[in-house]
Amino acid sequence: MPDGRSPDFAAAFRTNGYHFPLRLLSEAEAGECRRRVEAFERAHPEAVGKLDLKANLLFPWVDAITRHPKLLDAVSAILGPDLICWNATFRNKKPRSPTYAGWHQDSRYITVRPTGVIAMMAVTPANAKSGTVRVIPGSNRWDVLDHRDTEDKDSLLTRGQYITSDFDKSKAVDLELAPGEVAFFDHNTVHSSGPNHSDDRRLILLMGFFSTASKPLDGKRVTAFTVRGHDAYAHFDPDRRPFEDYGPAEQDAHRAAVEAQVKKVLFDGSDRTSIALN
């Protein structure tokens, strides 16, 4: 596939709705990310759920990954020079666990238009055995399909949602990544992930980007960082950058921002809430 800075990269992404792999961090650097996550899990077992939304407000090192020049070069090739990052979430599957994500489109519930790009960085190996993300090529150009919410406790998704419309799954592509590699896919791309059949955890970092021109369709205000260029539109309120790992001010800013994102976008109209607010 074309490199993230090649002229063909954006055209291929718009056709297929995804691109991978791009080497962002070395495997040693990805291993350090894992060490930091696991140190936090040991020190704050009661707060592990906070990693599920806007972890970039809690840890300067996560914020730094979302601003990595190589990452933003690739996202800018798709969305243009002015970018916001509205979320960074760690998604974990324990070894030999049934945890999965049903087929879905993020654009069904993230009603921000034009749609954005998700950058998925593997912290541990992400492959078919460990339950990496799978995508349907070209589905980024489809309409938003019908979805149904569930109470499935094994689903990683905010609402346990899945697509009820019929579509061809035979051409699905596994976004297989080594630690430190990144895959990109559109918010409208149909995707899913299966259980983890491996003996190691599957840990990924999902980072959500939009052009600064994108805005919530209902005009509701949520927060984001301007990570490249200039925000001439102010459709999002500014997030507070973190200065220390899980400091008191970071926790306060994180809770306020997550409450807004949960109530106004991700869980709007649902009785459920996010583990990031536990």
Foldseek 3Di string as FASTA:
>chain_A
DDALQDLCLQVQCLQFQKDDWDQADDLVVLLVVVVVLVVCCVVCVVQNLLLAKACQLFAVVQVVSLLRVSVLSSQCSHANFWKWWQIKHKDKAAEQHFAKAAWAFLCVQQQKPPWGKKKKAWSAWAWQQQWAKKWGTRQLPPDHADKDFDPDPSYPAQRSMYGPDDDDPPRIDGRTDHHRIIMMGISRITMMIGHRNHNGMTMMMMIIMHGLPIARPVLQEAEIDTSGDDNPDCRYHYQDGDDHRRDPVSLVSSLVRQVSCFPPTRQPPHPGGGSSND
